Amino acid sequence: MPGRDPLRLRRDGGTSQDHPRDRPPPDGSEARGTGLLVSRAPGLEAIRDRSELRAPDLRVEGGTVLPLDDGGQIFEVGFVDVVGDRIAAVGPIGDRPAARPQRVIDAAGSVVLPGLVDAHTHLFQVAARGLGDGLALAEWLRTHMIPLALALRRREMVALTELAALHALRSGTVAAVNHHYGGLREPEDSLAVAGAMERVGLAGAVARMMVGERTAAADVFGLPMANFGYTNAQEIELTAQAIRAKADGPVAIWPGPANVAYCSDEILLAGADLAREHGVRWHTHAAEDAFAVEVTCRFQDGRRTLGVLEDLGVLDHDATLAHAVWLDDAEMELAAARLPHLVHNPLSNAYLGSGTMRLTELRSRGIRLAAGSDGCAVAGQDMFTVARFGALLQRVAATDAAVISVGDMVKLVTCGGARALGSGSGTLAAGEPADLIVVDTSSLHHEPVNDPLASVGWFATGADVSTVIVRGTPVLEAGSITTVDEAEVRARGLEAARAVMARL
């Protein structure tokens, strides 16, 4: 509420100036989020020492290597060595260690860069691809997405998740935050969806959507009663069960409150508390369109989205907030102080007419940013398209071509996403998770390659991705999926889509 004491009490009895979660993690170490705990700085020398003693398990060599580090290095003909699930060495090909690797992937004629990260998506929505054209967000949800979610059976959500994950991998995505709200949302559903992602080879998190009891704000959104199947206590316990049941592996379970605009304070608090208790992050929709902010202000004593989270004491580095389109200056200041991860979804925001994130202003304030596709239904899973469109959208909004480069957006969909997941810096460097892709730039639409980063940013599509390595394992190699029978996954996914759509 405007005019509140700036030293207002937090839920733990502290104040807004001394809350222990207000402080960001130490520089160079973010060890939470995906089930793969990363403590970067202390382990780098150990990785280097081991690499001197052990031959690489895998070497990618011969391509132009873009580490995407702060120094802007480019190795025109370079190599990346992998030991286990970590990068052991990166550099010009003349500096590669003498030890013979067990496997070599030839990247000649290609660009090697960190894997793409989709920091906000809903994989099951692939069943409704292309529906709802011309609808605004609330109507699109009521008409298509919520009925689809409620109709899903577990075997269908698994098949659809595999289908969408396949598309993501083929497009160069190594990890995704899958905000899942299909079916009954039982713990077994979350685990089944996480398992589907892992089988195909996609890492990341399943953010189990938490809704809880129906609120007055949900009435204004026109959400169906069937969407609110659990009490708050049940919702919290089911989420905790799912998180505890998936303690390791490349896909973690996160708490995922549905939306700041219509979730109760209890659900928002519980999401953040569960994340802290279990060492993961939490995820929600925040300020996606003007209507959501209007509803928030109406039912939260005039407070806007980030103000609500701030007053609850949950606006911190464990929060990953999808959209954040309609933030005012005061909210941007809060984000700069508390350092949550804000996830830009330019394609879905444009498709639904929701607005344009003030991305360049947020970047100038040092706010942590990632990007997402927001699901197959509106944009597909191709994060190269997200990066390219995101750059163009910001230039149009600012009427300034220099306001952001496509290279900046490529870093958003790689490094920014990895940091949001808590899985390292997202760069190609010794000690980092071995998540990397090979993009063929020898085709007509790339030639001549005058600037490899610009070529990848402006001209690459998922069809150019020849190799995807996730946690040191090639899941796409020489254009072929190595983890599953692709034809079977596609057939099951299409059958599931037809079945669920026929019931609507």
Protein backbone atom coordinates (compact mmCIF):
# COMPACT_ATOMS: atom_id res chain seq x y z
CA MET A 1 0.00 0.00 0.00
CA PRO A 2 1.40 3.45 -0.85
CA GLY A 3 2.93 5.23 2.12
CA ARG A 4 3.89 2.09 4.04
CA ASP A 5 6.84 2.21 6.39
CA PRO A 6 9.92 1.26 4.36
CA LEU A 7 11.02 -0.84 7.35
CA ARG A 8 7.82 -2.90 7.15
CA LEU A 9 8.00 -6.32 8.77
CA ARG A 10 8.74 -9.35 6.68
CA ARG A 11 7.23 -12.74 7.31
CA ASP A 12 10.31 -13.83 9.32
CA GLY A 13 10.11 -10.85 11.67
CA GLY A 14 12.98 -9.00 9.97
CA THR A 15 12.66 -5.81 7.96
CA SER A 16 12.82 -4.95 4.30
CA GLN A 17 16.38 -3.71 4.82
CA ASP A 18 17.83 -6.73 6.62
CA HIS A 19 16.06 -9.73 5.12
CA PRO A 20 18.70 -12.42 4.51
CA ARG A 21 17.35 -13.22 1.05
CA ASP A 22 17.71 -9.64 -0.16
CA ARG A 23 21.38 -10.21 -0.79
CA PRO A 24 22.36 -11.82 -4.09
CA PRO A 25 24.56 -14.93 -4.08
CA PRO A 26 28.31 -14.33 -4.15
CA ASP A 27 29.70 -13.41 -7.56
CA GLY A 28 30.61 -16.41 -9.64
CA SER A 29 28.50 -18.96 -7.81
CA GLU A 30 24.87 -19.81 -8.39
CA ALA A 31 24.30 -23.28 -7.12
CA ARG A 32 20.56 -23.71 -7.27
CA GLY A 33 17.87 -24.67 -9.63
CA THR A 34 18.15 -27.68 -11.89
CA GLY A 35 19.23 -30.60 -9.77
CA LEU A 36 22.74 -30.09 -11.15
CA LEU A 37 24.32 -27.98 -8.43
CA VAL A 38 27.00 -25.69 -9.81
CA SER A 39 29.59 -23.96 -7.66
CA ARG A 40 31.70 -22.44 -10.34
CA ALA A 41 34.65 -20.57 -8.93
CA PRO A 42 36.00 -23.13 -6.41
CA GLY A 43 36.01 -25.99 -8.93
CA LEU A 44 37.71 -24.53 -11.98
CA GLU A 45 41.29 -25.42 -11.09
CA ALA A 46 40.22 -28.93 -10.12
CA ILE A 47 38.62 -29.37 -13.54
CA ARG A 48 41.77 -28.11 -15.25
CA ASP A 49 43.95 -30.40 -13.14
CA ARG A 50 41.84 -33.44 -14.01
CA SER A 51 41.88 -32.53 -17.70
CA GLU A 52 45.68 -32.69 -17.69
CA LEU A 53 45.53 -36.26 -16.38
CA ARG A 54 42.58 -37.64 -18.31
CA ALA A 55 41.91 -37.72 -22.03
CA PRO A 56 38.75 -35.86 -23.01
CA ASP A 57 35.64 -37.95 -23.40
CA LEU A 58 34.59 -35.73 -26.28
CA ARG A 59 36.18 -33.04 -28.43
CA VAL A 60 34.28 -30.69 -30.74
CA GLU A 61 36.79 -29.16 -33.13
CA GLY A 62 37.28 -27.31 -36.38
CA GLY A 63 34.45 -24.80 -36.14
CA THR A 64 34.35 -21.16 -35.12
CA VAL A 65 33.97 -21.21 -31.33
CA LEU A 66 32.00 -18.44 -29.61
CA PRO A 67 32.45 -18.79 -25.83
CA LEU A 68 30.12 -15.77 -25.27
CA ASP A 69 32.24 -14.71 -22.31
CA ASP A 70 32.60 -11.12 -21.17
CA GLY A 71 35.84 -10.76 -23.11
CA GLY A 72 34.11 -11.40 -26.44
CA GLN A 73 36.64 -14.01 -27.53
CA ILE A 74 36.22 -15.73 -30.89
CA PHE A 75 38.31 -18.73 -31.90
CA GLU A 76 38.05 -18.83 -35.69
CA VAL A 77 39.16 -22.45 -35.74
CA GLY A 78 38.73 -23.76 -32.23
CA PHE A 79 37.98 -26.72 -30.01
CA VAL A 80 35.95 -27.59 -26.92
CA ASP A 81 37.00 -30.54 -24.76
CA VAL A 82 34.50 -32.29 -22.51
CA VAL A 83 35.25 -34.52 -19.52
CA GLY A 84 32.17 -36.09 -17.98
CA ASP A 85 29.44 -33.47 -17.84
CA ARG A 86 31.80 -30.47 -17.75
CA ILE A 87 33.86 -28.48 -20.19
CA ALA A 88 37.55 -29.21 -19.63
CA ALA A 89 39.17 -26.79 -22.09
CA VAL A 90 38.31 -24.26 -24.81
CA GLY A 91 40.58 -22.44 -27.20
CA PRO A 92 42.19 -22.17 -30.64
CA ILE A 93 42.74 -25.54 -32.23
CA GLY A 94 46.51 -25.17 -32.02
CA ASP A 95 46.24 -25.17 -28.22
CA ARG A 96 44.27 -28.40 -27.89
CA PRO A 97 45.79 -30.89 -25.42
CA ALA A 98 47.83 -33.74 -26.82
CA ALA A 99 45.69 -36.38 -25.13
CA ARG A 100 43.57 -38.18 -27.70
CA PRO A 101 39.82 -37.80 -27.01
CA GLN A 102 37.56 -40.83 -27.02
CA ARG A 103 35.25 -39.16 -29.56
CA VAL A 104 35.63 -36.25 -31.96
CA ILE A 105 32.86 -34.20 -33.56
CA ASP A 106 33.98 -32.31 -36.63
CA ALA A 107 32.47 -28.80 -36.59
CA ALA A 108 34.14 -27.46 -39.74
CA GLY A 109 31.91 -24.98 -41.55
CA SER A 110 29.94 -24.38 -38.36
CA VAL A 111 29.73 -22.15 -35.31
CA VAL A 112 30.04 -23.70 -31.85
CA LEU A 113 28.32 -21.82 -29.04
CA PRO A 114 26.60 -22.40 -25.69
CA GLY A 115 23.27 -24.22 -25.80
CA LEU A 116 20.08 -22.19 -25.86
CA VAL A 117 17.86 -22.04 -22.76
CA ASP A 118 14.10 -21.54 -22.92
CA ALA A 119 13.43 -19.94 -19.53
CA HIS A 120 9.62 -19.99 -19.85
CA THR A 121 7.49 -22.42 -21.79
CA HIS A 122 4.48 -24.74 -21.54
CA LEU A 123 5.42 -27.83 -23.51
CA PHE A 124 2.00 -29.53 -23.56
CA GLN A 125 0.57 -26.55 -25.45
CA VAL A 126 2.01 -28.01 -28.65
CA ALA A 127 -1.40 -29.70 -29.05
CA ALA A 128 -3.03 -26.31 -29.67
CA ARG A 129 -0.43 -24.95 -32.06
CA GLY A 130 -1.80 -21.97 -34.03
CA LEU A 131 -5.15 -21.70 -32.24
CA GLY A 132 -6.50 -18.44 -30.85
CA ASP A 133 -5.05 -16.11 -33.46
CA GLY A 134 -6.29 -12.58 -32.75
CA LEU A 135 -7.31 -13.21 -29.13
CA ALA A 136 -6.00 -11.27 -26.14
CA LEU A 137 -4.37 -13.18 -23.30
CA ALA A 138 -7.34 -13.75 -20.96
CA GLU A 139 -9.68 -14.82 -23.75
CA TRP A 140 -7.01 -17.03 -25.32
CA LEU A 141 -6.51 -18.80 -21.98
CA ARG A 142 -10.24 -19.22 -21.32
CA THR A 143 -11.02 -20.37 -24.86
CA HIS A 144 -8.13 -22.69 -25.63
CA MET A 145 -5.36 -23.26 -23.10
CA ILE A 146 -7.25 -23.92 -19.87
CA PRO A 147 -9.76 -26.31 -21.50
CA LEU A 148 -6.83 -28.14 -23.09
CA ALA A 149 -4.99 -28.36 -19.77
CA LEU A 150 -8.02 -29.65 -17.89
CA ALA A 151 -8.74 -32.31 -20.52
CA LEU A 152 -5.24 -33.81 -20.57
CA ARG A 153 -4.63 -37.35 -19.41
CA ARG A 154 -1.21 -38.30 -18.11
CA ARG A 155 -0.17 -40.40 -21.09
CA GLU A 156 -1.16 -37.52 -23.38
CA MET A 157 0.81 -34.90 -21.47
CA VAL A 158 3.82 -37.20 -21.58
CA ALA A 159 3.51 -37.73 -25.33
CA LEU A 160 3.01 -34.01 -25.97
CA THR A 161 5.95 -33.11 -23.73
CA GLU A 162 8.19 -35.49 -25.65
CA LEU A 163 7.03 -34.01 -28.96
CA ALA A 164 7.69 -30.42 -27.87
CA ALA A 165 11.00 -31.37 -26.23
CA LEU A 166 12.06 -32.97 -29.51
CA HIS A 167 11.34 -29.71 -31.33
CA ALA A 168 13.25 -27.78 -28.68
CA LEU A 169 16.34 -29.98 -28.97
CA ARG A 170 16.32 -29.87 -32.75
CA SER A 171 16.23 -26.08 -32.44
CA GLY A 172 19.34 -25.96 -30.25
CA THR A 173 17.68 -25.71 -26.84
CA VAL A 174 19.50 -27.66 -24.13
CA ALA A 175 17.28 -26.75 -21.16
CA ALA A 176 13.83 -25.33 -20.48
CA VAL A 177 11.66 -24.14 -17.61
CA ASN A 178 8.42 -25.98 -18.35
CA HIS A 179 5.63 -24.25 -16.37
CA HIS A 180 3.25 -27.19 -16.31
CA TYR A 181 -0.45 -27.01 -15.51
CA GLY A 182 -1.92 -29.94 -17.44
CA GLY A 183 -4.17 -32.66 -16.05
CA LEU A 184 -4.82 -33.07 -12.33
CA ARG A 185 -1.38 -31.69 -11.40
CA GLU A 186 -0.71 -34.64 -9.11
CA PRO A 187 2.93 -35.19 -8.09
CA GLU A 188 3.01 -38.16 -10.46
CA ASP A 189 2.08 -35.82 -13.32
CA SER A 190 5.05 -33.55 -12.60
CA LEU A 191 7.37 -36.53 -12.36
CA ALA A 192 6.03 -38.02 -15.60
CA VAL A 193 6.55 -34.73 -17.44
CA ALA A 194 10.08 -34.39 -16.03
CA GLY A 195 10.79 -37.95 -17.13
CA ALA A 196 9.53 -37.20 -20.63
CA MET A 197 11.91 -34.25 -20.92
CA GLU A 198 14.82 -36.35 -19.70
CA ARG A 199 14.11 -39.25 -22.06
CA VAL A 200 14.33 -36.97 -25.06
CA GLY A 201 17.44 -35.31 -23.63
CA LEU A 202 16.20 -31.90 -22.50
CA ALA A 203 17.43 -30.57 -19.13
CA GLY A 204 15.91 -27.84 -16.96
CA ALA A 205 12.92 -27.76 -14.63
CA VAL A 206 9.24 -28.57 -14.42
CA ALA A 207 7.67 -25.68 -12.53
CA ARG A 208 4.58 -27.34 -11.05
CA MET A 209 1.82 -24.76 -11.34
CA MET A 210 0.32 -23.88 -7.95
CA VAL A 211 -3.19 -22.40 -7.99
CA GLY A 212 -4.83 -23.19 -4.68
CA GLU A 213 -8.19 -21.79 -3.66
CA ARG A 214 -10.14 -19.53 -5.96
CA THR A 215 -9.63 -15.83 -5.28
CA ALA A 216 -11.75 -12.80 -6.11
CA ALA A 217 -9.10 -11.82 -8.65
CA ALA A 218 -9.52 -15.19 -10.40
CA ASP A 219 -13.24 -14.43 -10.71
CA VAL A 220 -12.39 -11.26 -12.63
CA PHE A 221 -10.17 -13.29 -14.98
CA GLY A 222 -13.14 -15.57 -15.61
CA LEU A 223 -11.18 -18.71 -14.81
CA PRO A 224 -13.32 -21.87 -14.52
CA MET A 225 -13.95 -23.47 -11.14
CA ALA A 226 -12.41 -26.69 -12.42
CA ASN A 227 -9.07 -24.89 -12.45
CA PHE A 228 -9.14 -24.72 -8.64
CA GLY A 229 -9.17 -28.33 -7.52
CA TYR A 230 -7.14 -28.09 -4.32
CA THR A 231 -7.12 -26.12 -1.09
CA ASN A 232 -4.03 -24.03 -0.45
CA ALA A 233 -2.74 -26.60 2.04
CA GLN A 234 -3.22 -29.43 -0.45
CA GLU A 235 -1.55 -27.44 -3.24
CA ILE A 236 1.48 -26.74 -1.08
CA GLU A 237 1.81 -30.35 0.09
CA LEU A 238 1.47 -31.78 -3.43
CA THR A 239 4.19 -29.45 -4.67
CA ALA A 240 6.48 -30.43 -1.79
CA GLN A 241 5.90 -34.11 -2.55
CA ALA A 242 6.82 -33.62 -6.20
CA ILE A 243 10.00 -31.71 -5.34
CA ARG A 244 11.11 -34.32 -2.79
CA ALA A 245 10.45 -37.16 -5.22
CA LYS A 246 12.81 -35.65 -7.84
CA ALA A 247 15.92 -34.91 -5.83
CA ASP A 248 18.39 -35.36 -8.70
CA GLY A 249 18.73 -35.67 -12.45
CA PRO A 250 18.91 -33.13 -15.27
CA VAL A 251 15.30 -31.97 -14.73
CA ALA A 252 14.24 -30.67 -11.30
CA ILE A 253 10.79 -29.84 -9.95
CA TRP A 254 10.23 -26.21 -8.98
CA PRO A 255 7.30 -24.52 -7.26
CA GLY A 256 5.37 -22.58 -9.90
CA PRO A 257 2.60 -20.30 -8.54
CA ALA A 258 0.33 -19.59 -11.48
CA ASN A 259 0.23 -15.81 -11.54
CA VAL A 260 0.90 -12.94 -9.17
CA ALA A 261 -2.35 -11.35 -10.38
CA TYR A 262 -4.70 -14.02 -9.03
CA CYS A 263 -2.78 -16.31 -6.67
CA SER A 264 -3.30 -15.78 -2.96
CA ASP A 265 -0.47 -14.40 -0.84
CA GLU A 266 -0.30 -17.80 0.85
CA ILE A 267 0.46 -19.56 -2.43
CA LEU A 268 3.08 -16.99 -3.45
CA LEU A 269 4.77 -17.23 -0.04
CA ALA A 270 4.67 -21.01 -0.14
CA GLY A 271 6.25 -21.13 -3.59
CA ALA A 272 9.21 -19.07 -2.42
CA ASP A 273 9.51 -20.95 0.87
CA LEU A 274 9.51 -24.34 -0.85
CA ALA A 275 12.23 -23.14 -3.22
CA ARG A 276 14.39 -22.03 -0.32
CA GLU A 277 13.76 -25.22 1.64
CA HIS A 278 14.65 -27.55 -1.23
CA GLY A 279 17.44 -25.57 -2.89
CA VAL A 280 15.64 -24.83 -6.16
CA ARG A 281 14.19 -21.74 -7.80
CA TRP A 282 10.54 -20.78 -8.22
CA HIS A 283 8.63 -19.50 -11.21
CA THR A 284 5.49 -17.48 -11.91
CA HIS A 285 3.77 -15.20 -14.41
CA ALA A 286 4.20 -11.53 -13.55
CA ALA A 287 2.79 -8.37 -15.17
CA GLU A 288 2.18 -10.08 -18.50
CA ASP A 289 -0.40 -7.59 -19.75
CA ALA A 290 -2.09 -4.39 -18.62
CA PHE A 291 -5.21 -6.25 -17.47
CA ALA A 292 -3.17 -8.43 -15.10
CA VAL A 293 -1.63 -5.34 -13.52
CA GLU A 294 -5.03 -3.67 -13.25
CA VAL A 295 -6.41 -6.71 -11.42
CA THR A 296 -3.36 -6.85 -9.16
CA CYS A 297 -3.77 -3.21 -8.15
CA ARG A 298 -7.50 -3.67 -7.55
CA PHE A 299 -7.07 -6.56 -5.12
CA GLN A 300 -3.70 -5.65 -3.59
CA ASP A 301 -4.43 -2.20 -2.15
CA GLY A 302 -3.06 -0.38 -5.17
CA ARG A 303 0.26 -2.21 -5.19
CA ARG A 304 1.71 -3.31 -8.50
CA THR A 305 3.18 -6.73 -9.25
CA LEU A 306 6.72 -6.43 -7.91
CA GLY A 307 5.48 -4.38 -4.98
CA VAL A 308 3.33 -7.33 -3.93
CA LEU A 309 6.31 -9.70 -4.09
CA GLU A 310 8.52 -7.19 -2.28
CA ASP A 311 6.05 -6.81 0.58
CA LEU A 312 5.83 -10.59 0.89
CA GLY A 313 9.62 -10.82 1.08
CA VAL A 314 9.92 -13.11 -1.93
CA LEU A 315 11.44 -10.80 -4.54
CA ASP A 316 14.97 -12.16 -4.71
CA HIS A 317 17.47 -14.13 -6.77
CA ASP A 318 15.47 -17.37 -6.48
CA ALA A 319 12.47 -15.81 -8.24
CA THR A 320 12.16 -16.30 -12.01
CA LEU A 321 9.38 -14.06 -13.28
CA ALA A 322 7.93 -14.64 -16.74
CA HIS A 323 7.02 -11.63 -18.90
CA ALA A 324 7.44 -8.57 -16.62
CA VAL A 325 6.09 -6.44 -19.47
CA TRP A 326 4.14 -3.86 -17.49
CA LEU A 327 6.66 -2.68 -14.90
CA ASP A 328 6.84 0.96 -13.87
CA ASP A 329 10.02 2.81 -12.89
CA ALA A 330 9.63 1.99 -9.19
CA GLU A 331 9.32 -1.71 -9.99
CA MET A 332 12.44 -1.59 -12.13
CA GLU A 333 14.28 -0.06 -9.19
CA LEU A 334 13.04 -2.91 -7.00
CA ALA A 335 14.24 -5.45 -9.56
CA ALA A 336 17.65 -3.79 -9.68
CA ALA A 337 17.91 -3.97 -5.90
CA ARG A 338 16.57 -7.50 -5.38
CA LEU A 339 17.90 -9.18 -8.55
CA PRO A 340 15.20 -11.65 -9.54
CA HIS A 341 15.47 -13.16 -13.00
CA LEU A 342 13.02 -11.56 -15.45
CA VAL A 343 12.13 -13.68 -18.49
CA HIS A 344 11.41 -11.87 -21.76
CA ASN A 345 8.88 -13.55 -24.09
CA PRO A 346 8.77 -11.25 -27.13
CA LEU A 347 7.01 -13.60 -29.55
CA SER A 348 4.11 -14.54 -27.30
CA ASN A 349 3.71 -10.98 -26.03
CA ALA A 350 3.46 -9.77 -29.63
CA TYR A 351 1.16 -12.63 -30.71
CA LEU A 352 -1.30 -11.85 -27.90
CA GLY A 353 -0.91 -8.07 -28.14
CA SER A 354 0.25 -7.93 -24.52
CA GLY A 355 2.91 -5.25 -24.89
CA THR A 356 6.68 -4.95 -25.09
CA MET A 357 9.07 -5.46 -22.19
CA ARG A 358 11.20 -2.41 -21.37
CA LEU A 359 14.19 -4.61 -22.02
CA THR A 360 16.84 -2.04 -22.78
CA GLU A 361 15.96 -0.01 -19.68
CA LEU A 362 16.11 -3.15 -17.56
CA ARG A 363 19.50 -4.06 -19.05
CA SER A 364 20.86 -0.60 -18.32
CA ARG A 365 19.99 -1.09 -14.64
CA GLY A 366 21.90 -4.36 -14.41
CA ILE A 367 18.78 -6.48 -13.95
CA ARG A 368 19.10 -10.21 -14.60
CA LEU A 369 17.35 -11.19 -17.80
CA ALA A 370 16.58 -14.40 -19.67
CA ALA A 371 14.20 -15.23 -22.51
CA GLY A 372 11.50 -17.77 -23.27
CA SER A 373 9.32 -19.05 -26.07
CA ASP A 374 6.17 -19.28 -23.90
CA GLY A 375 5.10 -22.46 -25.61
CA CYS A 376 4.55 -24.03 -28.98
CA ALA A 377 1.01 -22.74 -29.31
CA VAL A 378 2.04 -19.22 -30.25
CA ALA A 379 5.67 -19.30 -31.29
CA GLY A 380 7.12 -22.78 -31.41
CA GLN A 381 10.26 -23.68 -29.49
CA ASP A 382 12.89 -22.02 -31.73
CA MET A 383 14.89 -19.73 -29.45
CA PHE A 384 16.88 -18.35 -32.39
CA THR A 385 13.60 -16.85 -33.58
CA VAL A 386 12.99 -15.47 -30.08
CA ALA A 387 16.41 -13.80 -30.08
CA ARG A 388 16.03 -12.30 -33.53
CA PHE A 389 12.49 -11.03 -32.99
CA GLY A 390 13.41 -9.71 -29.56
CA ALA A 391 16.16 -7.54 -31.02
CA LEU A 392 13.91 -6.22 -33.78
CA LEU A 393 11.07 -5.47 -31.37
CA GLN A 394 13.30 -3.38 -29.10
CA ARG A 395 14.68 -1.42 -32.06
CA VAL A 396 11.18 -0.64 -33.30
CA ALA A 397 10.00 0.38 -29.83
CA ALA A 398 12.97 2.72 -29.39
CA THR A 399 13.18 3.80 -33.07
CA ASP A 400 16.90 3.24 -32.60
CA ALA A 401 18.90 0.50 -34.34
CA ALA A 402 21.73 0.82 -31.81
CA VAL A 403 19.58 0.18 -28.74
CA ILE A 404 20.41 -3.55 -28.69
CA SER A 405 22.46 -5.91 -30.85
CA VAL A 406 21.39 -9.34 -31.93
CA GLY A 407 24.48 -10.59 -30.10
CA ASP A 408 23.02 -9.20 -26.89
CA MET A 409 19.88 -11.22 -27.52
CA VAL A 410 21.88 -14.37 -28.27
CA LYS A 411 23.53 -13.94 -24.86
CA LEU A 412 20.08 -13.55 -23.32
CA VAL A 413 18.91 -16.91 -24.72
CA THR A 414 22.13 -18.65 -23.67
CA CYS A 415 23.94 -17.10 -20.70
CA GLY A 416 20.87 -15.37 -19.26
CA GLY A 417 18.84 -18.54 -19.35
CA ALA A 418 21.57 -20.67 -17.78
CA ARG A 419 21.90 -18.21 -14.92
CA ALA A 420 18.14 -18.18 -14.40
CA LEU A 421 18.25 -21.97 -14.09
CA GLY A 422 21.17 -21.79 -11.69
CA SER A 423 23.34 -23.94 -13.97
CA GLY A 424 26.50 -21.90 -14.32
CA SER A 425 27.30 -18.87 -16.44
CA GLY A 426 26.11 -20.30 -19.75
CA THR A 427 29.49 -19.64 -21.37
CA LEU A 428 31.94 -22.07 -22.94
CA ALA A 429 34.64 -22.15 -20.28
CA ALA A 430 36.52 -24.74 -18.26
CA GLY A 431 34.42 -25.98 -15.37
CA GLU A 432 31.09 -24.99 -16.86
CA PRO A 433 28.37 -27.56 -17.66
CA ALA A 434 29.00 -29.11 -21.07
CA ASP A 435 25.91 -27.70 -22.77
CA LEU A 436 26.78 -26.62 -26.30
CA ILE A 437 25.50 -26.68 -29.86
CA VAL A 438 26.94 -26.76 -33.37
CA VAL A 439 25.22 -24.55 -35.95
CA ASP A 440 25.92 -25.21 -39.63
CA THR A 441 26.70 -21.88 -41.31
CA SER A 442 27.77 -23.33 -44.66
CA SER A 443 24.33 -23.06 -46.24
CA LEU A 444 23.24 -20.41 -48.72
CA HIS A 445 21.30 -18.24 -46.26
CA HIS A 446 24.45 -17.75 -44.13
CA GLU A 447 27.11 -17.20 -46.79
CA PRO A 448 29.33 -15.27 -46.64
CA VAL A 449 29.87 -15.36 -42.87
CA ASN A 450 31.40 -11.97 -42.14
CA ASP A 451 30.57 -11.98 -38.42
CA PRO A 452 29.84 -15.40 -36.87
CA LEU A 453 27.81 -14.03 -33.95
CA ALA A 454 25.70 -11.84 -36.23
CA SER A 455 25.26 -14.74 -38.64
CA VAL A 456 23.95 -16.99 -35.87
CA GLY A 457 21.75 -14.24 -34.45
CA TRP A 458 20.20 -12.92 -37.65
CA PHE A 459 20.13 -15.95 -39.93
CA ALA A 460 20.18 -19.19 -37.92
CA THR A 461 17.10 -21.33 -37.44
CA GLY A 462 16.61 -24.61 -35.68
CA ALA A 463 17.08 -26.35 -39.03
CA ASP A 464 20.75 -25.27 -38.99
CA VAL A 465 21.52 -27.05 -35.72
CA SER A 466 23.49 -30.21 -36.44
CA THR A 467 24.68 -31.20 -32.96
CA VAL A 468 23.35 -30.62 -29.44
CA ILE A 469 25.32 -31.69 -26.38
CA VAL A 470 23.54 -31.69 -23.01
CA ARG A 471 25.60 -32.28 -19.86
CA GLY A 472 28.34 -33.79 -21.98
CA THR A 473 26.12 -36.19 -23.94
CA PRO A 474 25.35 -35.67 -27.64
CA VAL A 475 21.56 -35.88 -27.90
CA LEU A 476 21.54 -34.64 -31.49
CA GLU A 477 24.54 -35.58 -33.61
CA ALA A 478 25.03 -35.00 -37.32
CA GLY A 479 21.35 -34.13 -37.54
CA SER A 480 20.06 -37.31 -35.87
CA ILE A 481 18.42 -37.63 -32.46
CA THR A 482 20.37 -40.17 -30.38
CA THR A 483 18.09 -40.60 -27.36
CA VAL A 484 14.72 -41.76 -28.69
CA ASP A 485 13.08 -43.06 -31.85
CA GLU A 486 12.09 -39.75 -33.39
CA ALA A 487 9.39 -41.21 -35.63
CA GLU A 488 7.73 -42.93 -32.68
CA VAL A 489 7.82 -39.77 -30.55
CA ARG A 490 6.24 -37.77 -33.33
CA ALA A 491 3.57 -40.39 -33.95
CA ARG A 492 2.65 -40.62 -30.25
CA GLY A 493 2.61 -36.85 -29.90
CA LEU A 494 0.34 -36.32 -32.88
CA GLU A 495 -1.98 -39.09 -31.73
CA ALA A 496 -2.21 -37.49 -28.28
CA ALA A 497 -2.90 -34.07 -29.78
CA ARG A 498 -5.71 -35.43 -31.94
CA ALA A 499 -7.21 -37.33 -29.01
CA VAL A 500 -7.30 -34.45 -26.55
CA MET A 501 -8.47 -31.89 -29.10
CA ALA A 502 -11.32 -34.22 -30.10
CA ARG A 503 -12.62 -34.12 -26.52
CA LEU A 504 -12.78 -30.32 -26.33
